[in-house]
Amino acid sequence: ADERARRDTTPESVLWVELAGEVATEAALRSFFERRQRRDVQQPRLRIASAWKVTNGATLRGFASAGSFDIKPLQAHARSGDTLLFHGCSQEAATNVMAT
């Protein structure tokens, strides 16, 4: 899957890779997700069951960058900058997410 992602040269995919930066492949996403979690032994670790790359061209082209980026959400927020956020959803909701 990661190899296919690197070879996808559609305008939407190229823009997605530009915006996604260091998490442009599934392997990088999984590594980032693991690093982002708290190391609290009292809490269960979350895991990615599956990941889907949704490249909605209109939404990607409409993204207005704040002009700065920080991989750490709290620091990005403090600077009014961009960051990466992840959310999960049920299988039923995934269809709606992919359609928008």
PDB file of N, CA and C in Angstrom:
ATOM      1  N   ALA A   1       0.822  -1.192   0.000  1.00  0.00           N
ATOM      2  CA  ALA A   1       0.000   0.000   0.000  1.00  0.00           C
ATOM      3  C   ALA A   1       0.864   1.254   0.000  1.00  0.00           C
ATOM      4  N   ASP A   2       1.952   1.268   0.784  1.00  0.00           N
ATOM      5  CA  ASP A   2       2.807   2.439   0.825  1.00  0.00           C
ATOM      6  C   ASP A   2       3.470   2.693  -0.530  1.00  0.00           C
ATOM      7  N   GLU A   3       3.863   1.625  -1.212  1.00  0.00           N
ATOM      8  CA  GLU A   3       4.482   1.783  -2.521  1.00  0.00           C
ATOM      9  C   GLU A   3       3.501   2.390  -3.515  1.00  0.00           C
ATOM     10  N   ARG A   4       2.242   1.934  -3.491  1.00  0.00           N
ATOM     11  CA  ARG A   4       1.218   2.516  -4.370  1.00  0.00           C
ATOM     12  C   ARG A   4       1.041   3.998  -4.070  1.00  0.00           C
ATOM     13  N   ALA A   5       1.047   4.363  -2.794  1.00  0.00           N
ATOM     14  CA  ALA A   5       0.869   5.763  -2.401  1.00  0.00           C
ATOM     15  C   ALA A   5       1.988   6.629  -2.965  1.00  0.00           C
ATOM     16  N   ARG A   6       3.207   6.109  -2.973  1.00  0.00           N
ATOM     17  CA  ARG A   6       4.333   6.889  -3.496  1.00  0.00           C
ATOM     18  C   ARG A   6       4.233   7.073  -5.001  1.00  0.00           C
ATOM     19  N   ARG A   7       3.600   6.135  -5.694  1.00  0.00           N
ATOM     20  CA  ARG A   7       3.513   6.215  -7.155  1.00  0.00           C
ATOM     21  C   ARG A   7       2.298   6.983  -7.646  1.00  0.00           C
ATOM     22  N   ASP A   8       1.345   7.292  -6.767  1.00  0.00           N
ATOM     23  CA  ASP A   8       0.132   7.991  -7.167  1.00  0.00           C
ATOM     24  C   ASP A   8       0.472   9.445  -7.462  1.00  0.00           C
ATOM     25  N   THR A   9       0.346   9.832  -8.726  1.00  0.00           N
ATOM     26  CA  THR A   9       0.720  11.189  -9.128  1.00  0.00           C
ATOM     27  C   THR A   9      -0.478  12.038  -9.527  1.00  0.00           C
ATOM     28  N   THR A  10      -1.690  11.623  -9.130  1.00  0.00           N
ATOM     29  CA  THR A  10      -2.854  12.466  -9.408  1.00  0.00           C
ATOM     30  C   THR A  10      -2.683  13.780  -8.648  1.00  0.00           C
ATOM     31  N   PRO A  11      -3.235  14.874  -9.155  1.00  0.00           N
ATOM     32  CA  PRO A  11      -3.086  16.166  -8.460  1.00  0.00           C
ATOM     33  C   PRO A  11      -3.543  16.112  -7.002  1.00  0.00           C
ATOM     34  N   GLU A  12      -4.634  15.395  -6.730  1.00  0.00           N
ATOM     35  CA  GLU A  12      -5.133  15.297  -5.360  1.00  0.00           C
ATOM     36  C   GLU A  12      -4.138  14.569  -4.466  1.00  0.00           C
ATOM     37  N   SER A  13      -3.556  13.501  -4.980  1.00  0.00           N
ATOM     38  CA  SER A  13      -2.609  12.727  -4.186  1.00  0.00           C
ATOM     39  C   SER A  13      -1.330  13.514  -3.930  1.00  0.00           C
ATOM     40  N   VAL A  14      -0.860  14.226  -4.938  1.00  0.00           N
ATOM     41  CA  VAL A  14       0.348  15.041  -4.770  1.00  0.00           C
ATOM     42  C   VAL A  14       0.106  16.107  -3.698  1.00  0.00           C
ATOM     43  N   LEU A  15      -1.053  16.761  -3.736  1.00  0.00           N
ATOM     44  CA  LEU A  15      -1.383  17.776  -2.733  1.00  0.00           C
ATOM     45  C   LEU A  15      -1.518  17.145  -1.360  1.00  0.00           C
ATOM     46  N   TRP A  16      -2.150  15.972  -1.288  1.00  0.00           N
ATOM     47  CA  TRP A  16      -2.308  15.279  -0.007  1.00  0.00           C
ATOM     48  C   TRP A  16      -0.942  14.986   0.613  1.00  0.00           C
ATOM     49  N   VAL A  17      -0.010  14.482  -0.183  1.00  0.00           N
ATOM     50  CA  VAL A  17       1.334  14.169   0.310  1.00  0.00           C
ATOM     51  C   VAL A  17       2.021  15.446   0.793  1.00  0.00           C
ATOM     52  N   GLU A  18       1.842  16.527   0.058  1.00  0.00           N
ATOM     53  CA  GLU A  18       2.433  17.811   0.464  1.00  0.00           C
ATOM     54  C   GLU A  18       1.897  18.256   1.828  1.00  0.00           C
ATOM     55  N   LEU A  19       0.583  18.133   2.031  1.00  0.00           N
ATOM     56  CA  LEU A  19      -0.030  18.552   3.290  1.00  0.00           C
ATOM     57  C   LEU A  19       0.254  17.576   4.428  1.00  0.00           C
ATOM     58  N   ALA A  20       0.306  16.276   4.112  1.00  0.00           N
ATOM     59  CA  ALA A  20       0.502  15.256   5.148  1.00  0.00           C
ATOM     60  C   ALA A  20       1.938  15.220   5.663  1.00  0.00           C
ATOM     61  N   GLY A  21       2.863  15.656   4.860  1.00  0.00           N
ATOM     62  CA  GLY A  21       4.256  15.733   5.301  1.00  0.00           C
ATOM     63  C   GLY A  21       4.795  14.409   5.782  1.00  0.00           C
ATOM     64  N   GLU A  22       5.175  14.351   7.051  1.00  0.00           N
ATOM     65  CA  GLU A  22       5.870  13.182   7.570  1.00  0.00           C
ATOM     66  C   GLU A  22       4.981  11.971   7.804  1.00  0.00           C
ATOM     67  N   VAL A  23       3.690  12.071   7.570  1.00  0.00           N
ATOM     68  CA  VAL A  23       2.806  10.907   7.731  1.00  0.00           C
ATOM     69  C   VAL A  23       2.114  10.566   6.413  1.00  0.00           C
ATOM     70  N   ALA A  24       2.834  10.677   5.328  1.00  0.00           N
ATOM     71  CA  ALA A  24       2.257  10.470   4.004  1.00  0.00           C
ATOM     72  C   ALA A  24       2.083   9.006   3.631  1.00  0.00           C
ATOM     73  N   THR A  25       2.689   8.087   4.380  1.00  0.00           N
ATOM     74  CA  THR A  25       2.521   6.662   4.094  1.00  0.00           C
ATOM     75  C   THR A  25       1.855   6.000   5.298  1.00  0.00           C
ATOM     76  N   GLU A  26       1.293   4.827   5.082  1.00  0.00           N
ATOM     77  CA  GLU A  26       0.639   4.122   6.188  1.00  0.00           C
ATOM     78  C   GLU A  26       1.647   3.748   7.274  1.00  0.00           C
ATOM     79  N   ALA A  27       2.835   3.320   6.890  1.00  0.00           N
ATOM     80  CA  ALA A  27       3.850   2.975   7.885  1.00  0.00           C
ATOM     81  C   ALA A  27       4.212   4.196   8.730  1.00  0.00           C
ATOM     82  N   ALA A  28       4.373   5.337   8.087  1.00  0.00           N
ATOM     83  CA  ALA A  28       4.697   6.567   8.816  1.00  0.00           C
ATOM     84  C   ALA A  28       3.536   6.980   9.717  1.00  0.00           C
ATOM     85  N   LEU A  29       2.314   6.808   9.238  1.00  0.00           N
ATOM     86  CA  LEU A  29       1.129   7.122  10.039  1.00  0.00           C
ATOM     87  C   LEU A  29       1.092   6.266  11.296  1.00  0.00           C
ATOM     88  N   ARG A  30       1.292   4.977  11.147  1.00  0.00           N
ATOM     89  CA  ARG A  30       1.261   4.080  12.304  1.00  0.00           C
ATOM     90  C   ARG A  30       2.365   4.427  13.313  1.00  0.00           C
ATOM     91  N   SER A  31       3.537   4.755  12.830  1.00  0.00           N
ATOM     92  CA  SER A  31       4.636   5.147  13.702  1.00  0.00           C
ATOM     93  C   SER A  31       4.306   6.452  14.434  1.00  0.00           C
ATOM     94  N   PHE A  32       3.785   7.417  13.716  1.00  0.00           N
ATOM     95  CA  PHE A  32       3.406   8.700  14.313  1.00  0.00           C
ATOM     96  C   PHE A  32       2.319   8.505  15.366  1.00  0.00           C
ATOM     97  N   PHE A  33       1.313   7.697  15.050  1.00  0.00           N
ATOM     98  CA  PHE A  33       0.214   7.434  15.979  1.00  0.00           C
ATOM     99  C   PHE A  33       0.743   6.826  17.281  1.00  0.00           C
ATOM    100  N   GLU A  34       1.673   5.904  17.160  1.00  0.00           N
ATOM    101  CA  GLU A  34       2.267   5.271  18.340  1.00  0.00           C
ATOM    102  C   GLU A  34       3.028   6.294  19.176  1.00  0.00           C
ATOM    103  N   ARG A  35       3.808   7.141  18.527  1.00  0.00           N
ATOM    104  CA  ARG A  35       4.577   8.168  19.251  1.00  0.00           C
ATOM    105  C   ARG A  35       3.666   9.195  19.918  1.00  0.00           C
ATOM    106  N   ARG A  36       2.529   9.490  19.307  1.00  0.00           N
ATOM    107  CA  ARG A  36       1.641  10.543  19.792  1.00  0.00           C
ATOM    108  C   ARG A  36       0.921  10.141  21.080  1.00  0.00           C
ATOM    109  N   GLN A  37       0.790   8.866  21.342  1.00  0.00           N
ATOM    110  CA  GLN A  37       0.051   8.413  22.523  1.00  0.00           C
ATOM    111  C   GLN A  37       0.826   8.656  23.805  1.00  0.00           C
ATOM    112  N   ARG A  38       0.081   8.893  24.843  1.00  0.00           N
ATOM    113  CA  ARG A  38       0.697   9.070  26.157  1.00  0.00           C
ATOM    114  C   ARG A  38       1.302   7.756  26.627  1.00  0.00           C
ATOM    115  N   ARG A  39       2.315   7.844  27.400  1.00  0.00           N
ATOM    116  CA  ARG A  39       3.017   6.658  27.900  1.00  0.00           C
ATOM    117  C   ARG A  39       2.492   6.229  29.266  1.00  0.00           C
ATOM    118  N   ASP A  40       1.285   6.617  29.592  1.00  0.00           N
ATOM    119  CA  ASP A  40       0.666   6.306  30.884  1.00  0.00           C
ATOM    120  C   ASP A  40       0.326   4.813  30.934  1.00  0.00           C
ATOM    121  N   VAL A  41       0.924   4.097  31.854  1.00  0.00           N
ATOM    122  CA  VAL A  41       0.689   2.651  31.938  1.00  0.00           C
ATOM    123  C   VAL A  41      -0.705   2.329  32.457  1.00  0.00           C
ATOM    124  N   GLN A  42      -1.390   3.311  33.040  1.00  0.00           N
ATOM    125  CA  GLN A  42      -2.739   3.089  33.560  1.00  0.00           C
ATOM    126  C   GLN A  42      -3.787   3.048  32.445  1.00  0.00           C
ATOM    127  N   GLN A  43      -3.476   3.627  31.321  1.00  0.00           N
ATOM    128  CA  GLN A  43      -4.424   3.707  30.213  1.00  0.00           C
ATOM    129  C   GLN A  43      -4.092   2.671  29.138  1.00  0.00           C
ATOM    130  N   PRO A  44      -5.110   2.040  28.566  1.00  0.00           N
ATOM    131  CA  PRO A  44      -4.831   1.093  27.478  1.00  0.00           C
ATOM    132  C   PRO A  44      -4.318   1.837  26.239  1.00  0.00           C
ATOM    133  N   ARG A  45      -3.451   1.194  25.504  1.00  0.00           N
ATOM    134  CA  ARG A  45      -2.911   1.780  24.275  1.00  0.00           C
ATOM    135  C   ARG A  45      -3.935   1.641  23.165  1.00  0.00           C
ATOM    136  N   LEU A  46      -4.110   2.684  22.410  1.00  0.00           N
ATOM    137  CA  LEU A  46      -4.977   2.621  21.240  1.00  0.00           C
ATOM    138  C   LEU A  46      -4.176   2.033  20.090  1.00  0.00           C
ATOM    139  N   ARG A  47      -4.878   1.458  19.148  1.00  0.00           N
ATOM    140  CA  ARG A  47      -4.198   0.940  17.968  1.00  0.00           C
ATOM    141  C   ARG A  47      -5.020   1.263  16.742  1.00  0.00           C
ATOM    142  N   ILE A  48      -4.390   1.336  15.627  1.00  0.00           N
ATOM    143  CA  ILE A  48      -5.074   1.590  14.362  1.00  0.00           C
ATOM    144  C   ILE A  48      -5.533   0.249  13.813  1.00  0.00           C
ATOM    145  N   ALA A  49      -6.831   0.089  13.667  1.00  0.00           N
ATOM    146  CA  ALA A  49      -7.368  -1.141  13.082  1.00  0.00           C
ATOM    147  C   ALA A  49      -7.210  -1.103  11.566  1.00  0.00           C
ATOM    148  N   SER A  50      -7.495   0.034  10.970  1.00  0.00           N
ATOM    149  CA  SER A  50      -7.298   0.207   9.540  1.00  0.00           C
ATOM    150  C   SER A  50      -7.183   1.697   9.258  1.00  0.00           C
ATOM    151  N   ALA A  51      -6.566   2.023   8.162  1.00  0.00           N
ATOM    152  CA  ALA A  51      -6.392   3.419   7.771  1.00  0.00           C
ATOM    153  C   ALA A  51      -6.756   3.573   6.305  1.00  0.00           C
ATOM    154  N   TRP A  52      -7.480   4.627   6.014  1.00  0.00           N
ATOM    155  CA  TRP A  52      -7.880   4.918   4.643  1.00  0.00           C
ATOM    156  C   TRP A  52      -7.445   6.319   4.288  1.00  0.00           C
ATOM    157  N   LYS A  53      -6.842   6.469   3.148  1.00  0.00           N
ATOM    158  CA  LYS A  53      -6.449   7.779   2.643  1.00  0.00           C
ATOM    159  C   LYS A  53      -7.624   8.310   1.830  1.00  0.00           C
ATOM    160  N   VAL A  54      -8.207   9.391   2.296  1.00  0.00           N
ATOM    161  CA  VAL A  54      -9.337  10.010   1.600  1.00  0.00           C
ATOM    162  C   VAL A  54      -8.820  11.280   0.934  1.00  0.00           C
ATOM    163  N   THR A  55      -8.843  11.304  -0.368  1.00  0.00           N
ATOM    164  CA  THR A  55      -8.340  12.469  -1.098  1.00  0.00           C
ATOM    165  C   THR A  55      -9.483  13.156  -1.807  1.00  0.00           C
ATOM    166  N   ASN A  56     -10.179  13.999  -1.085  1.00  0.00           N
ATOM    167  CA  ASN A  56     -11.243  14.800  -1.665  1.00  0.00           C
ATOM    168  C   ASN A  56     -10.595  16.066  -2.212  1.00  0.00           C
ATOM    169  N   GLY A  57     -10.515  16.143  -3.532  1.00  0.00           N
ATOM    170  CA  GLY A  57      -9.802  17.245  -4.180  1.00  0.00           C
ATOM    171  C   GLY A  57     -10.296  18.624  -3.778  1.00  0.00           C
ATOM    172  N   ALA A  58     -11.604  18.823  -3.753  1.00  0.00           N
ATOM    173  CA  ALA A  58     -12.146  20.139  -3.412  1.00  0.00           C
ATOM    174  C   ALA A  58     -11.786  20.528  -1.981  1.00  0.00           C
ATOM    175  N   THR A  59     -11.876  19.569  -1.057  1.00  0.00           N
ATOM    176  CA  THR A  59     -11.537  19.853   0.333  1.00  0.00           C
ATOM    177  C   THR A  59     -10.045  20.143   0.475  1.00  0.00           C
ATOM    178  N   LEU A  60      -9.206  19.351  -0.172  1.00  0.00           N
ATOM    179  CA  LEU A  60      -7.763  19.579  -0.100  1.00  0.00           C
ATOM    180  C   LEU A  60      -7.382  20.942  -0.682  1.00  0.00           C
ATOM    181  N   ARG A  61      -7.963  21.290  -1.827  1.00  0.00           N
ATOM    182  CA  ARG A  61      -7.643  22.578  -2.450  1.00  0.00           C
ATOM    183  C   ARG A  61      -8.175  23.741  -1.612  1.00  0.00           C
ATOM    184  N   GLY A  62      -9.216  23.491  -0.811  1.00  0.00           N
ATOM    185  CA  GLY A  62      -9.790  24.542   0.020  1.00  0.00           C
ATOM    186  C   GLY A  62      -9.079  24.744   1.339  1.00  0.00           C
ATOM    187  N   PHE A  63      -8.100  23.892   1.642  1.00  0.00           N
ATOM    188  CA  PHE A  63      -7.388  24.014   2.914  1.00  0.00           C
ATOM    189  C   PHE A  63      -6.610  25.322   2.942  1.00  0.00           C
ATOM    190  N   ALA A  64      -6.831  26.105   3.975  1.00  0.00           N
ATOM    191  CA  ALA A  64      -6.123  27.382   4.144  1.00  0.00           C
ATOM    192  C   ALA A  64      -5.150  27.233   5.300  1.00  0.00           C
ATOM    193  N   SER A  65      -3.889  27.140   4.985  1.00  0.00           N
ATOM    194  CA  SER A  65      -2.868  26.974   6.012  1.00  0.00           C
ATOM    195  C   SER A  65      -2.761  28.229   6.867  1.00  0.00           C
ATOM    196  N   ALA A  66      -2.456  28.011   8.129  1.00  0.00           N
ATOM    197  CA  ALA A  66      -2.220  29.136   9.039  1.00  0.00           C
ATOM    198  C   ALA A  66      -0.834  29.731   8.804  1.00  0.00           C
ATOM    199  N   GLY A  67      -0.023  29.055   8.031  1.00  0.00           N
ATOM    200  CA  GLY A  67       1.296  29.575   7.711  1.00  0.00           C
ATOM    201  C   GLY A  67       2.422  28.997   8.549  1.00  0.00           C
ATOM    202  N   SER A  68       2.056  28.217   9.568  1.00  0.00           N
ATOM    203  CA  SER A  68       3.079  27.546  10.367  1.00  0.00           C
ATOM    204  C   SER A  68       2.573  26.165  10.731  1.00  0.00           C
ATOM    205  N   PHE A  69       3.488  25.277  11.084  1.00  0.00           N
ATOM    206  CA  PHE A  69       3.137  23.902  11.405  1.00  0.00           C
ATOM    207  C   PHE A  69       3.946  23.450  12.603  1.00  0.00           C
ATOM    208  N   ASP A  70       3.290  22.709  13.499  1.00  0.00           N
ATOM    209  CA  ASP A  70       3.993  22.053  14.599  1.00  0.00           C
ATOM    210  C   ASP A  70       3.365  20.686  14.774  1.00  0.00           C
ATOM    211  N   ILE A  71       4.169  19.656  14.871  1.00  0.00           N
ATOM    212  CA  ILE A  71       3.687  18.283  15.014  1.00  0.00           C
ATOM    213  C   ILE A  71       2.986  18.086  16.352  1.00  0.00           C
ATOM    214  N   LYS A  72       3.263  18.931  17.322  1.00  0.00           N
ATOM    215  CA  LYS A  72       2.648  18.833  18.652  1.00  0.00           C
ATOM    216  C   LYS A  72       1.409  19.723  18.696  1.00  0.00           C
ATOM    217  N   PRO A  73       0.219  19.132  18.872  1.00  0.00           N
ATOM    218  CA  PRO A  73      -1.027  19.901  18.793  1.00  0.00           C
ATOM    219  C   PRO A  73      -1.119  21.092  19.746  1.00  0.00           C
ATOM    220  N   LEU A  74      -0.687  20.940  20.996  1.00  0.00           N
ATOM    221  CA  LEU A  74      -0.790  22.049  21.940  1.00  0.00           C
ATOM    222  C   LEU A  74       0.104  23.214  21.539  1.00  0.00           C
ATOM    223  N   GLN A  75       1.281  22.907  21.037  1.00  0.00           N
ATOM    224  CA  GLN A  75       2.168  23.971  20.573  1.00  0.00           C
ATOM    225  C   GLN A  75       1.623  24.626  19.310  1.00  0.00           C
ATOM    226  N   ALA A  76       1.066  23.829  18.415  1.00  0.00           N
ATOM    227  CA  ALA A  76       0.458  24.386  17.205  1.00  0.00           C
ATOM    228  C   ALA A  76      -0.703  25.306  17.575  1.00  0.00           C
ATOM    229  N   HIS A  77      -1.527  24.868  18.514  1.00  0.00           N
ATOM    230  CA  HIS A  77      -2.662  25.677  18.949  1.00  0.00           C
ATOM    231  C   HIS A  77      -2.185  26.995  19.579  1.00  0.00           C
ATOM    232  N   ALA A  78      -1.166  26.917  20.429  1.00  0.00           N
ATOM    233  CA  ALA A  78      -0.647  28.122  21.084  1.00  0.00           C
ATOM    234  C   ALA A  78      -0.128  29.136  20.070  1.00  0.00           C
ATOM    235  N   ARG A  79       0.356  28.650  18.941  1.00  0.00           N
ATOM    236  CA  ARG A  79       0.888  29.531  17.885  1.00  0.00           C
ATOM    237  C   ARG A  79      -0.134  29.790  16.775  1.00  0.00           C
ATOM    238  N   SER A  80      -1.358  29.275  16.957  1.00  0.00           N
ATOM    239  CA  SER A  80      -2.400  29.379  15.918  1.00  0.00           C
ATOM    240  C   SER A  80      -1.913  28.787  14.604  1.00  0.00           C
ATOM    241  N   GLY A  81      -1.219  27.653  14.706  1.00  0.00           N
ATOM    242  CA  GLY A  81      -0.659  27.011  13.523  1.00  0.00           C
ATOM    243  C   GLY A  81      -1.369  25.721  13.166  1.00  0.00           C
ATOM    244  N   ASP A  82      -0.888  25.084  12.135  1.00  0.00           N
ATOM    245  CA  ASP A  82      -1.427  23.817  11.659  1.00  0.00           C
ATOM    246  C   ASP A  82      -0.788  22.660  12.422  1.00  0.00           C
ATOM    247  N   THR A  83      -1.506  21.545  12.502  1.00  0.00           N
ATOM    248  CA  THR A  83      -0.979  20.311  13.064  1.00  0.00           C
ATOM    249  C   THR A  83      -1.752  19.151  12.470  1.00  0.00           C
ATOM    250  N   LEU A  84      -1.495  17.956  12.932  1.00  0.00           N
ATOM    251  CA  LEU A  84      -2.205  16.771  12.471  1.00  0.00           C
ATOM    252  C   LEU A  84      -3.067  16.238  13.605  1.00  0.00           C
ATOM    253  N   LEU A  85      -4.318  15.974  13.313  1.00  0.00           N
ATOM    254  CA  LEU A  85      -5.239  15.381  14.274  1.00  0.00           C
ATOM    255  C   LEU A  85      -5.831  14.128  13.657  1.00  0.00           C
ATOM    256  N   PHE A  86      -6.108  13.151  14.499  1.00  0.00           N
ATOM    257  CA  PHE A  86      -6.675  11.894  14.033  1.00  0.00           C
ATOM    258  C   PHE A  86      -7.941  11.596  14.811  1.00  0.00           C
ATOM    259  N   HIS A  87      -8.866  10.953  14.167  1.00  0.00           N
ATOM    260  CA  HIS A  87     -10.068  10.522  14.867  1.00  0.00           C
ATOM    261  C   HIS A  87     -10.488   9.173  14.319  1.00  0.00           C
ATOM    262  N   GLY A  88     -11.209   8.459  15.136  1.00  0.00           N
ATOM    263  CA  GLY A  88     -11.733   7.169  14.712  1.00  0.00           C
ATOM    264  C   GLY A  88     -13.218   7.281  14.453  1.00  0.00           C
ATOM    265  N   CYS A  89     -13.742   6.278  13.825  1.00  0.00           N
ATOM    266  CA  CYS A  89     -15.182   6.253  13.584  1.00  0.00           C
ATOM    267  C   CYS A  89     -15.620   4.805  13.382  1.00  0.00           C
ATOM    268  N   SER A  90     -16.906   4.612  13.506  1.00  0.00           N
ATOM    269  CA  SER A  90     -17.453   3.279  13.260  1.00  0.00           C
ATOM    270  C   SER A  90     -17.375   2.963  11.776  1.00  0.00           C
ATOM    271  N   GLN A  91     -17.462   1.698  11.446  1.00  0.00           N
ATOM    272  CA  GLN A  91     -17.442   1.293  10.034  1.00  0.00           C
ATOM    273  C   GLN A  91     -18.589   1.940   9.272  1.00  0.00           C
ATOM    274  N   GLU A  92     -19.744   2.074   9.936  1.00  0.00           N
ATOM    275  CA  GLU A  92     -20.909   2.675   9.282  1.00  0.00           C
ATOM    276  C   GLU A  92     -20.662   4.130   8.933  1.00  0.00           C
ATOM    277  N   ALA A  93     -19.976   4.861   9.826  1.00  0.00           N
ATOM    278  CA  ALA A  93     -19.715   6.280   9.580  1.00  0.00           C
ATOM    279  C   ALA A  93     -18.612   6.488   8.550  1.00  0.00           C
ATOM    280  N   ALA A  94     -17.756   5.500   8.367  1.00  0.00           N
ATOM    281  CA  ALA A  94     -16.625   5.652   7.440  1.00  0.00           C
ATOM    282  C   ALA A  94     -17.090   5.968   6.020  1.00  0.00           C
ATOM    283  N   THR A  95     -18.187   5.399   5.602  1.00  0.00           N
ATOM    284  CA  THR A  95     -18.709   5.672   4.271  1.00  0.00           C
ATOM    285  C   THR A  95     -19.032   7.141   4.109  1.00  0.00           C
ATOM    286  N   ASN A  96     -19.632   7.744   5.136  1.00  0.00           N
ATOM    287  CA  ASN A  96     -19.960   9.160   5.078  1.00  0.00           C
ATOM    288  C   ASN A  96     -18.700  10.025   5.074  1.00  0.00           C
ATOM    289  N   VAL A  97     -17.714   9.651   5.857  1.00  0.00           N
ATOM    290  CA  VAL A  97     -16.465  10.396   5.906  1.00  0.00           C
ATOM    291  C   VAL A  97     -15.816  10.391   4.525  1.00  0.00           C
ATOM    292  N   MET A  98     -15.792   9.249   3.888  1.00  0.00           N
ATOM    293  CA  MET A  98     -15.150   9.122   2.592  1.00  0.00           C
ATOM    294  C   MET A  98     -15.918   9.840   1.498  1.00  0.00           C
ATOM    295  N   ALA A  99     -17.208  10.061   1.682  1.00  0.00           N
ATOM    296  CA  ALA A  99     -18.029  10.703   0.656  1.00  0.00           C
ATOM    297  C   ALA A  99     -17.956  12.227   0.710  1.00  0.00           C
ATOM    298  N   THR A 100     -17.441  12.764   1.807  1.00  0.00           N
ATOM    299  CA  THR A 100     -17.422  14.238   1.921  1.00  0.00           C
ATOM    300  C   THR A 100     -16.055  14.801   1.658  1.00  0.00           C
TER     301      THR A 100
END
